[in-house]
C-alpha atoms as a PDB file:
ATOM      1  CA  MET A   1     -48.211 -29.848  95.254  1.00  0.00           C
ATOM      2  CA  ASN A   2     -46.391 -26.744  96.293  1.00  0.00           C
ATOM      3  CA  PRO A   3     -44.547 -25.340  93.213  1.00  0.00           C
ATOM      4  CA  ILE A   4     -41.384 -24.723  95.227  1.00  0.00           C
ATOM      5  CA  LEU A   5     -41.346 -28.282  96.566  1.00  0.00           C
ATOM      6  CA  ARG A   6     -41.994 -29.650  93.059  1.00  0.00           C
ATOM      7  CA  HIS A   7     -39.015 -27.639  91.701  1.00  0.00           C
ATOM      8  CA  ARG A   8     -36.718 -28.984  94.412  1.00  0.00           C
ATOM      9  CA  LEU A   9     -37.764 -32.564  93.663  1.00  0.00           C
ATOM     10  CA  VAL A  10     -37.009 -32.090  89.953  1.00  0.00           C
ATOM     11  CA  LEU A  11     -33.542 -30.743  90.737  1.00  0.00           C
ATOM     12  CA  CYS A  12     -32.765 -33.634  93.088  1.00  0.00           C
ATOM     13  CA  ALA A  13     -33.853 -36.180  90.471  1.00  0.00           C
ATOM     14  CA  ALA A  14     -31.664 -34.572  87.816  1.00  0.00           C
ATOM     15  CA  LEU A  15     -28.636 -34.512  90.133  1.00  0.00           C
ATOM     16  CA  PHE A  16     -29.167 -38.172  91.017  1.00  0.00           C
ATOM     17  CA  ALA A  17     -29.253 -39.086  87.311  1.00  0.00           C
ATOM     18  CA  VAL A  18     -25.986 -37.272  86.618  1.00  0.00           C
ATOM     19  CA  LEU A  19     -24.243 -39.014  89.530  1.00  0.00           C
ATOM     20  CA  ALA A  20     -25.513 -42.396  88.317  1.00  0.00           C
ATOM     21  CA  VAL A  21     -24.135 -41.793  84.805  1.00  0.00           C
ATOM     22  CA  LEU A  22     -20.733 -40.775  86.191  1.00  0.00           C
ATOM     23  CA  ALA A  23     -20.577 -43.879  88.376  1.00  0.00           C
ATOM     24  CA  LEU A  24     -21.396 -46.174  85.469  1.00  0.00           C
ATOM     25  CA  SER A  25     -18.957 -44.566  83.030  1.00  0.00           C
ATOM     26  CA  GLY A  26     -16.011 -44.446  85.452  1.00  0.00           C
ATOM     27  CA  CYS A  27     -15.460 -40.686  84.944  1.00  0.00           C
ATOM     28  CA  GLY A  28     -13.559 -39.002  87.675  1.00  0.00           C
ATOM     29  CA  ARG A  29     -11.789 -42.213  88.765  1.00  0.00           C
ATOM     30  CA  THR A  30      -8.257 -41.758  90.001  1.00  0.00           C
ATOM     31  CA  ASP A  31      -7.539 -45.315  91.152  1.00  0.00           C
ATOM     32  CA  GLY A  32      -6.784 -47.018  87.821  1.00  0.00           C
ATOM     33  CA  LEU A  33      -8.957 -49.086  85.500  1.00  0.00           C
ATOM     34  CA  GLY A  34     -12.662 -49.599  86.040  1.00  0.00           C
ATOM     35  CA  ALA A  35     -14.201 -53.042  86.229  1.00  0.00           C
ATOM     36  CA  GLY A  36     -14.014 -54.798  82.873  1.00  0.00           C
ATOM     37  CA  GLU A  37     -11.828 -52.106  81.295  1.00  0.00           C
ATOM     38  CA  ALA A  38      -8.976 -53.271  79.051  1.00  0.00           C
ATOM     39  CA  ALA A  39      -5.484 -51.937  79.685  1.00  0.00           C
ATOM     40  CA  PRO A  40      -4.369 -49.391  77.073  1.00  0.00           C
ATOM     41  CA  SER A  41      -1.662 -50.503  74.665  1.00  0.00           C
ATOM     42  CA  VAL A  42       1.901 -49.366  75.403  1.00  0.00           C
ATOM     43  CA  SER A  43       3.004 -46.827  72.812  1.00  0.00           C
ATOM     44  CA  VAL A  44       6.542 -46.898  71.435  1.00  0.00           C
ATOM     45  CA  GLN A  45       8.487 -43.777  72.370  1.00  0.00           C
ATOM     46  CA  PRO A  46       9.557 -41.732  69.344  1.00  0.00           C
ATOM     47  CA  ARG A  47      13.213 -41.855  68.348  1.00  0.00           C
ATOM     48  CA  PRO A  48      15.193 -38.810  67.176  1.00  0.00           C
ATOM     49  CA  ALA A  49      15.018 -38.262  63.451  1.00  0.00           C
ATOM     50  CA  SER A  50      17.488 -36.030  61.690  1.00  0.00           C
ATOM     51  CA  VAL A  51      16.085 -33.205  59.601  1.00  0.00           C
ATOM     52  CA  TRP A  52      19.281 -32.998  57.508  1.00  0.00           C
ATOM     53  CA  PRO A  53      20.842 -36.486  57.597  1.00  0.00           C
ATOM     54  CA  ALA A  54      23.846 -35.472  55.480  1.00  0.00           C
ATOM     55  CA  TRP A  55      24.908 -33.076  58.217  1.00  0.00           C
ATOM     56  CA  VAL A  56      24.924 -35.703  60.977  1.00  0.00           C
ATOM     57  CA  SER A  57      28.316 -36.875  62.163  1.00  0.00           C
ATOM     58  CA  LYS A  58      28.675 -40.645  62.336  1.00  0.00           C
ATOM     59  CA  SER A  59      32.366 -40.882  63.214  1.00  0.00           C
ATOM     60  CA  ALA A  60      32.789 -38.977  66.480  1.00  0.00           C
ATOM     61  CA  LYS A  61      33.017 -41.262  69.497  1.00  0.00           C
ATOM     62  CA  VAL A  62      33.136 -38.464  72.048  1.00  0.00           C
ATOM     63  CA  PRO A  63      32.678 -34.695  71.793  1.00  0.00           C
ATOM     64  CA  GLY A  64      35.808 -33.345  70.180  1.00  0.00           C
ATOM     65  CA  ALA A  65      36.837 -36.688  68.691  1.00  0.00           C
ATOM     66  CA  GLU A  66      35.765 -35.778  65.149  1.00  0.00           C
ATOM     67  CA  ALA A  67      37.910 -32.638  65.198  1.00  0.00           C
ATOM     68  CA  ALA A  68      40.810 -34.673  66.538  1.00  0.00           C
ATOM     69  CA  THR A  69      40.568 -37.212  63.720  1.00  0.00           C
ATOM     70  CA  ARG A  70      41.178 -34.450  61.179  1.00  0.00           C
ATOM     71  CA  GLN A  71      44.671 -34.058  62.617  1.00  0.00           C
ATOM     72  CA  PRO A  72      47.472 -36.485  61.784  1.00  0.00           C
ATOM     73  CA  PRO A  73      48.153 -38.966  64.596  1.00  0.00           C
ATOM     74  CA  PRO A  74      51.048 -38.137  66.939  1.00  0.00           C
ATOM     75  CA  GLN A  75      54.446 -39.292  65.723  1.00  0.00           C
ATOM     76  CA  ALA A  76      57.036 -40.964  67.936  1.00  0.00           C
ATOM     77  CA  LEU A  77      59.830 -38.676  69.103  1.00  0.00           C
ATOM     78  CA  LYS A  78      63.136 -39.328  67.395  1.00  0.00           C
ATOM     79  CA  GLY A  79      66.573 -39.653  68.956  1.00  0.00           C
ATOM     80  CA  LEU A  80      65.441 -41.262  72.219  1.00  0.00           C
ATOM     81  CA  PRO A  81      66.505 -44.653  73.589  1.00  0.00           C
ATOM     82  CA  LYS A  82      63.886 -47.370  73.791  1.00  0.00           C
ATOM     83  CA  VAL A  83      61.668 -47.068  76.841  1.00  0.00           C
ATOM     84  CA  GLY A  84      62.561 -49.855  79.239  1.00  0.00           C
ATOM     85  CA  SER A  85      60.528 -51.809  81.765  1.00  0.00           C
ATOM     86  CA  GLY A  86      60.587 -48.829  84.106  1.00  0.00           C
ATOM     87  CA  GLY A  87      58.345 -46.876  81.745  1.00  0.00           C
ATOM     88  CA  LEU A  88      58.481 -43.133  81.247  1.00  0.00           C
ATOM     89  CA  ALA A  89      59.477 -42.626  84.882  1.00  0.00           C
ATOM     90  CA  SER A  90      62.867 -44.131  84.063  1.00  0.00           C
ATOM     91  CA  MET A  91      63.472 -41.717  81.168  1.00  0.00           C
ATOM     92  CA  ASP A  92      65.391 -38.428  81.199  1.00  0.00           C
ATOM     93  CA  VAL A  93      62.675 -35.764  81.155  1.00  0.00           C
ATOM     94  CA  ARG A  94      64.976 -33.162  79.617  1.00  0.00           C
ATOM     95  CA  ALA A  95      65.946 -35.573  76.824  1.00  0.00           C
ATOM     96  CA  ILE A  96      62.253 -36.081  76.025  1.00  0.00           C
ATOM     97  CA  LEU A  97      61.680 -32.318  75.926  1.00  0.00           C
ATOM     98  CA  ARG A  98      64.680 -31.823  73.638  1.00  0.00           C
ATOM     99  CA  ALA A  99      63.361 -34.500  71.262  1.00  0.00           C
ATOM    100  CA  ASP A 100      60.019 -32.671  70.952  1.00  0.00           C
ATOM    101  CA  PRO A 101      60.373 -29.641  68.607  1.00  0.00           C
ATOM    102  CA  ARG A 102      57.635 -27.760  70.483  1.00  0.00           C
ATOM    103  CA  THR A 103      59.274 -28.092  73.893  1.00  0.00           C
ATOM    104  CA  LYS A 104      62.959 -28.048  72.927  1.00  0.00           C
ATOM    105  CA  PRO A 105      63.356 -24.354  73.945  1.00  0.00           C
ATOM    106  CA  LEU A 106      62.107 -25.260  77.455  1.00  0.00           C
ATOM    107  CA  ALA A 107      64.266 -28.331  78.032  1.00  0.00           C
ATOM    108  CA  ASP A 108      67.165 -26.643  79.825  1.00  0.00           C
ATOM    109  CA  ARG A 109      65.162 -24.497  82.221  1.00  0.00           C
ATOM    110  CA  GLU A 110      65.685 -24.918  85.935  1.00  0.00           C
ATOM    111  CA  MET A 111      63.402 -27.112  88.009  1.00  0.00           C
ATOM    112  CA  ILE A 112      61.095 -25.139  90.283  1.00  0.00           C
ATOM    113  CA  ASP A 113      59.158 -26.239  93.352  1.00  0.00           C
ATOM    114  CA  ARG A 114      56.653 -23.401  93.821  1.00  0.00           C
ATOM    115  CA  PRO A 115      54.617 -20.892  91.788  1.00  0.00           C
ATOM    116  CA  GLY A 116      55.966 -17.478  90.905  1.00  0.00           C
ATOM    117  CA  GLN A 117      59.182 -18.736  89.331  1.00  0.00           C
ATOM    118  CA  ALA A 118      60.158 -19.462  85.747  1.00  0.00           C
ATOM    119  CA  GLY A 119      61.186 -23.021  85.010  1.00  0.00           C
ATOM    120  CA  LEU A 120      59.976 -26.609  84.849  1.00  0.00           C
ATOM    121  CA  ARG A 121      57.530 -27.937  87.397  1.00  0.00           C
ATOM    122  CA  PRO A 122      58.310 -31.371  88.862  1.00  0.00           C
ATOM    123  CA  PRO A 123      57.282 -34.062  86.325  1.00  0.00           C
ATOM    124  CA  MET A 124      54.167 -35.986  87.275  1.00  0.00           C
ATOM    125  CA  PHE A 125      52.984 -39.455  86.249  1.00  0.00           C
ATOM    126  CA  THR A 126      49.387 -40.662  85.982  1.00  0.00           C
ATOM    127  CA  ASP A 127      47.522 -43.181  83.821  1.00  0.00           C
ATOM    128  CA  LEU A 128      45.371 -41.276  81.329  1.00  0.00           C
ATOM    129  CA  THR A 129      45.020 -43.937  78.622  1.00  0.00           C
ATOM    130  CA  GLY A 130      43.787 -46.825  80.750  1.00  0.00           C
ATOM    131  CA  ASP A 131      46.666 -49.152  79.874  1.00  0.00           C
ATOM    132  CA  LYS A 132      47.982 -49.283  83.459  1.00  0.00           C
ATOM    133  CA  LYS A 133      51.147 -47.445  82.370  1.00  0.00           C
ATOM    134  CA  PRO A 134      51.365 -43.865  83.668  1.00  0.00           C
ATOM    135  CA  GLU A 135      51.787 -41.005  81.232  1.00  0.00           C
ATOM    136  CA  LEU A 136      54.359 -38.241  81.756  1.00  0.00           C
ATOM    137  CA  LEU A 137      53.022 -34.736  82.465  1.00  0.00           C
ATOM    138  CA  VAL A 138      55.429 -31.812  82.203  1.00  0.00           C
ATOM    139  CA  ALA A 139      54.566 -28.143  82.778  1.00  0.00           C
ATOM    140  CA  ALA A 140      56.767 -25.122  82.205  1.00  0.00           C
ATOM    141  CA  ASP A 141      56.216 -21.652  83.665  1.00  0.00           C
ATOM    142  CA  THR A 142      57.640 -18.741  81.660  1.00  0.00           C
ATOM    143  CA  GLU A 143      58.703 -15.217  82.594  1.00  0.00           C
ATOM    144  CA  SER A 144      55.706 -13.782  80.728  1.00  0.00           C
ATOM    145  CA  GLY A 145      53.286 -15.608  83.010  1.00  0.00           C
ATOM    146  CA  ARG A 146      52.267 -18.154  80.406  1.00  0.00           C
ATOM    147  CA  ASN A 147      52.405 -21.860  81.129  1.00  0.00           C
ATOM    148  CA  VAL A 148      52.889 -24.841  78.839  1.00  0.00           C
ATOM    149  CA  LEU A 149      51.522 -28.312  79.549  1.00  0.00           C
ATOM    150  CA  VAL A 150      52.608 -31.356  77.565  1.00  0.00           C
ATOM    151  CA  VAL A 151      51.684 -35.022  78.018  1.00  0.00           C
ATOM    152  CA  TYR A 152      53.631 -38.008  76.705  1.00  0.00           C
ATOM    153  CA  THR A 153      52.704 -41.673  76.460  1.00  0.00           C
ATOM    154  CA  GLU A 154      54.712 -44.793  75.617  1.00  0.00           C
ATOM    155  CA  ARG A 155      53.827 -47.400  73.015  1.00  0.00           C
ATOM    156  CA  GLY A 156      56.117 -50.154  71.815  1.00  0.00           C
ATOM    157  CA  GLY A 157      59.101 -48.623  73.561  1.00  0.00           C
ATOM    158  CA  LYS A 158      58.632 -45.240  71.848  1.00  0.00           C
ATOM    159  CA  VAL A 159      57.525 -41.881  73.261  1.00  0.00           C
ATOM    160  CA  TYR A 160      54.543 -40.063  71.758  1.00  0.00           C
ATOM    161  CA  PRO A 161      53.298 -36.537  72.566  1.00  0.00           C
ATOM    162  CA  ILE A 162      49.517 -36.741  73.061  1.00  0.00           C
ATOM    163  CA  LEU A 163      48.706 -33.267  74.420  1.00  0.00           C
ATOM    164  CA  PHE A 164      50.184 -29.792  74.095  1.00  0.00           C
ATOM    165  CA  THR A 165      48.324 -26.815  75.526  1.00  0.00           C
ATOM    166  CA  SER A 166      49.211 -23.448  77.023  1.00  0.00           C
ATOM    167  CA  GLY A 167      47.666 -20.567  78.922  1.00  0.00           C
ATOM    168  CA  ARG A 168      48.109 -18.286  81.906  1.00  0.00           C
ATOM    169  CA  SER A 169      48.136 -19.582  85.463  1.00  0.00           C
ATOM    170  CA  LEU A 170      47.333 -23.145  84.389  1.00  0.00           C
ATOM    171  CA  SER A 171      45.783 -25.297  87.084  1.00  0.00           C
ATOM    172  CA  VAL A 172      45.748 -28.993  86.178  1.00  0.00           C
ATOM    173  CA  GLU A 173      43.481 -31.572  87.803  1.00  0.00           C
ATOM    174  CA  THR A 174      42.504 -35.174  87.117  1.00  0.00           C
ATOM    175  CA  ILE A 175      38.914 -36.402  86.914  1.00  0.00           C
ATOM    176  CA  GLY A 176      39.196 -40.171  86.743  1.00  0.00           C
ATOM    177  CA  PRO A 177      41.272 -40.777  83.604  1.00  0.00           C
ATOM    178  CA  ASP A 178      40.621 -37.248  82.257  1.00  0.00           C
ATOM    179  CA  LEU A 179      42.577 -34.024  82.647  1.00  0.00           C
ATOM    180  CA  LEU A 180      40.886 -30.765  83.628  1.00  0.00           C
ATOM    181  CA  VAL A 181      42.874 -27.633  82.806  1.00  0.00           C
ATOM    182  CA  ARG A 182      41.671 -24.385  84.379  1.00  0.00           C
ATOM    183  CA  THR A 183      42.772 -20.873  83.399  1.00  0.00           C
ATOM    184  CA  PRO A 184      41.513 -17.529  84.711  1.00  0.00           C
ATOM    185  CA  CYS A 185      39.911 -15.105  82.267  1.00  0.00           C
ATOM    186  CA  ALA A 186      40.494 -11.378  81.968  1.00  0.00           C
ATOM    187  CA  ASP A 187      36.924 -10.604  83.059  1.00  0.00           C
ATOM    188  CA  GLY A 188      37.358 -12.482  86.329  1.00  0.00           C
ATOM    189  CA  GLY A 189      35.758 -15.711  85.104  1.00  0.00           C
ATOM    190  CA  GLU A 190      37.391 -19.074  84.552  1.00  0.00           C
ATOM    191  CA  GLN A 191      37.774 -21.409  81.586  1.00  0.00           C
ATOM    192  CA  ALA A 192      37.840 -25.147  82.233  1.00  0.00           C
ATOM    193  CA  VAL A 193      38.845 -27.526  79.434  1.00  0.00           C
ATOM    194  CA  ARG A 194      38.472 -31.258  79.957  1.00  0.00           C
ATOM    195  CA  PHE A 195      40.689 -33.593  77.910  1.00  0.00           C
ATOM    196  CA  HIS A 196      39.907 -37.285  77.331  1.00  0.00           C
ATOM    197  CA  TRP A 197      41.939 -40.061  75.726  1.00  0.00           C
ATOM    198  CA  ASP A 198      40.280 -40.935  72.404  1.00  0.00           C
ATOM    199  CA  GLY A 199      42.616 -43.772  71.445  1.00  0.00           C
ATOM    200  CA  THR A 200      45.034 -41.491  69.604  1.00  0.00           C
ATOM    201  CA  ARG A 201      45.528 -38.362  71.701  1.00  0.00           C
ATOM    202  CA  MET A 202      44.004 -36.367  74.547  1.00  0.00           C
ATOM    203  CA  SER A 203      41.153 -34.581  72.790  1.00  0.00           C
ATOM    204  CA  THR A 204      38.805 -31.916  74.089  1.00  0.00           C
ATOM    205  CA  LEU A 205      35.804 -33.430  75.832  1.00  0.00           C
ATOM    206  CA  SER A 206      34.335 -30.142  77.079  1.00  0.00           C
ATOM    207  CA  ASP A 207      35.262 -26.464  77.137  1.00  0.00           C
ATOM    208  CA  VAL A 208      33.314 -24.426  79.678  1.00  0.00           C
ATOM    209  CA  LYS A 209      33.706 -20.797  80.682  1.00  0.00           C
ATOM    210  CA  ASN A 210      32.271 -19.714  84.018  1.00  0.00           C
ATOM    211  CA  TYR A 211      31.595 -16.011  84.116  1.00  0.00           C
ATOM    212  CA  LYS A 212      32.125 -13.974  87.251  1.00  0.00           C
ATOM    213  CA  PRO A 213      28.743 -13.004  88.792  1.00  0.00           C
ATOM    214  CA  SER A 214      27.968  -9.378  88.158  1.00  0.00           C
ATOM    215  CA  ARG A 215      28.216  -7.079  91.172  1.00  0.00           C
ATOM    216  CA  PRO A 216      24.815  -5.923  92.412  1.00  0.00           C
ATOM    217  CA  PRO A 217      24.279  -2.179  91.989  1.00  0.00           C
ATOM    218  CA  THR A 218      25.038   0.047  94.951  1.00  0.00           C
ATOM    219  CA  PRO A 219      23.743   3.533  95.766  1.00  0.00           C
ATOM    220  CA  SER A 220      27.058   4.979  94.585  1.00  0.00           C
ATOM    221  CA  ASP A 221      26.353   3.615  91.076  1.00  0.00           C
ATOM    222  CA  SER A 222      23.287   5.846  90.678  1.00  0.00           C
ATOM    223  CA  PRO A 223      23.692   9.207  88.915  1.00  0.00           C
ATOM    224  CA  GLY A 224      23.090  11.060  92.172  1.00  0.00           C
ATOM    225  CA  GLY A 225      25.138   8.693  94.321  1.00  0.00           C
ATOM    226  CA  HIS A 226      28.299   9.556  96.164  1.00  0.00           C
END
């Protein structure tokens, strides 16, 4: 037999044997299990395991809640009449501010209806605690450009301060039952703090700073630019 023909026949036979082995073993299959193959057992996904268990917090219900629990709970304001069936909306806002030592200096400021003035913004009411009774939100704008935001709730006929925060050019929004307080930063960015009712007070749920995107370089920024 011609040596070249014999060599080709040997190669064909070897290739046929390899293909036969692959077909029998199921290698290269992409359509699931081969005939007679048992399904693989389902493995249990690993669970997180603490490296330093003593350093794991077990008391915080939401981010920021653990820090809040280290503070004493809010105390009812003194010297106020009992809150009636009309809720906080029926109360004298200035009387509430005078009863709160932190806001007493702001109580007698004029009411304002637009930015750029110093005084008290119109009081707002919204349910932040989920008890179907709206909380009282009061904001004061000062001559220095700083703003103060305070939130009060009512329990058992008494008024409790549950949030006090301040900053410049405060912008206050609601996200469901949460409050989002935005303030501009000196570098052109913005800080957004989200407050959530933790059963005692409005505690910090998140504190995010968005930085202003850097300006792309221009030819005038180069040493030889004009």
